[in-house]
Structure formats: structure tokens, C-alpha cells
């Protein structure tokens, strides 16, 4: 009898197993069907090739003629001079979050732009960064970094800055054709960098009267669509540069650029290095008569661009010939420096405050205050009820 009961139970178990397996297979098939079914009963349209009969060489030539494809300047990332922030730790101990150093900027650009574009293996495994924004005062080397990225990776440089595309390929169809050609060639000849100078203009809160004819926002809608179409395997990076991000709509600006790098004015350590290297590279000699320490202190508030301008003004061909008899002194550079307006502290603070409102800026503030990862506790009576904090 026990054998009969055991046999019946085994048979019952087998029947149940068959029924469960059948039900699972039915669900998986149904799920597969649902997955294949397009949303709203519409099939996803494939990107239409607007230039099916044209060769990549002809498209390349046209983009060069229209100055949408340019030759990158011969600069390397190591040429972007700057030292570490030696006061960073001290400031954090006083609950002051320091500005990133120029050395930090160089490292972040290498991490999020140079390595992914220069190596397909890194590009496939690294976190996806489709668009990157460089923010900082005029003269801190934003454009130089764009050219350095291209030189380090061998990338093609496309210029879609609002002022560069103004008046080119007019009308809606013309705009679509222009963007189609740029991104088609960018994908065919990757790695590629799409540079958008004065990036804030494309996201203006209100277009200034004197710029309405240029229609700086014409790229906004179509470029957003193309950004979404960039696949993981595409070694294409959009790099925007701006010194006036406050003019742009914050939400749409930050949605387009998922990585924002804030570039500060050079601090004392960086200014010392920059003066020394710029003078040497432009034919000058650094001797004991040249007080670099005082020059670095006096030039507080001035950018790399200002310093280069001063060095080129001082080191004329005639002055270089006089160096053996009359060595350089700091006063020569100071007199030229006095004619240039520096970047005032208020301007840098405004950029810092703007960055603090961005998603990345908020994360940084939380991380520096030790609140990263903490969830906000909803108010009493809100959805989900009141959560109690851990004791």
C-alpha cells in the first residue's frame, strides 16, 4: 500500500512539474511577444540616409569647404599647464570646498574624453559620456583642451558652434542635412569630437536682440534627437565650452551635457609653473634676476590667456636679442599686466554658485558634507507616510 501511495505522489508531483513548466514557458513566450511589440502599435523607424548616393570623401570635402570640419591645433594635454591645489586639504578641514585645480581638470579630461576616445576597449567598458561641458572664465584654456583631446586621440574636429553654423544650410531641411552629414562622417571616421563653442547660446533663456538674426537656438531640437541616437559603440563625443552658463536654461542645459567640468582661474602654484614655462617656450630665460614668486603673487586673478598675451608682448625679437646683456625682470611683465582687466573673484564665485545648482554640483556638495547616499525623509502626511531615521 505504501508503495502505491508513494507511486501516486510521485506521479502527482510529475504532473505538477509539467504544469508549472508549461505555465512558465507560456509566460516567457508572451513576454517575448510583448517585448517585440512596438509601443503604441508603431514600429520604430530606422534613421533615413539622406545621402545614399554620395561617397564619404565627397561629404568630407563639403564639410571642410563649409568650415564645419577643421584641423585641430598641435597641442597635447601635457601642454595644459597647472599644478596641484596644495591648500585643498586645509580648506576642507575648515568646511570650505576648494575649487578644482588645473591638474584635476587635466586628469578628468583624460579620464572622460581621451581614454574612451583613444581606446575602443576602454570606450566599451567605461561609463557612457556622450556630451561633456567645459565651464570657466575666458582665457582658462577650454578651447585648448578641445584641440588637445583631438591630438591625443587622433580624432576629427567638427565645429557646430552657433556662430559657425549661422547662415549655413538654411531652413529645416538644410539643418537636417547639415547635421546628418556631420554625424555620418563623424561615425564613419571615428573617433570624432563635435565642438560647440559658446554652448550657452543654444540653450538661451532669452535670445538677445543683436543675436536674433543668427538664430543661435536652431540646433537645439535636432541635436537632442541625434544625441539620443549615438550608440555605445560610437566613438563620438560632443564637447561644449562656455564662460556664461547662467544665460542658459539650467534644466535643459544639464540634461544635454551629462558631464560638466568647472575650470577655475590658476592658483599661485599653477601661475608659478605657467609663467616659467611660457617664458621659456617663447625664447626667454629664467634667471635669478626674474622674481617668479612675486610675479605669481601679483598675477592673482589673471588667466593663462592673459599671461600668454603678456609674455608675447614682452618677448619681442629685439628683447630676446638683448637677454645676454639685460636679463628679464618681473617689473617688465607687471607693466603689461596692469593694462589687462583680470577675472574678478565675483565672476568665479558666480560660476561656482551656478555649478552648485547642477546635478553634479549637488552631488559634490553632498559628498563634501558627508551626506552622499542619504535619502530625503518625506514630510508627515506625504506620500508613503513618514519614515523614521535610524537611531
Foldseek 3Di string as FASTA:
>chain_A
DVVVVVVVVVVVVVVVVVVVVVVVVVVVVVVVVVVPQDPPNDDDDDDDQPPPPDDLVVLVVVLVVLVQWDQFDPDALPNLFWDADPCQVVCLVVVHHDAGTSVVVSVVCCQQQQVLQQDLVCLLVPDDFAEEEEEEAPFQCQSVSLSNSCNSRVAIEGEPALVSCQPAQDDPVRLVVVVSSVVVSCQVDDPYEYEYEQVQLLAFPDHDPVCVSSVSVPCPPVVQVVSVVDDSSRNYHYYYYHHCNVRGDQPSVCVSGVHYHYGYAGALRRQLVLLQVLQVVLLADDDPQADSNVLSVLCPQAHSRLSNVLSPVQPDVVNSVCCVPPHDYSVSSVVSSVVDDGHDPVSSVVVLVSLCPHPVNVQVSCVSVVNHPPDDFDDAPDPPGTDDDDD
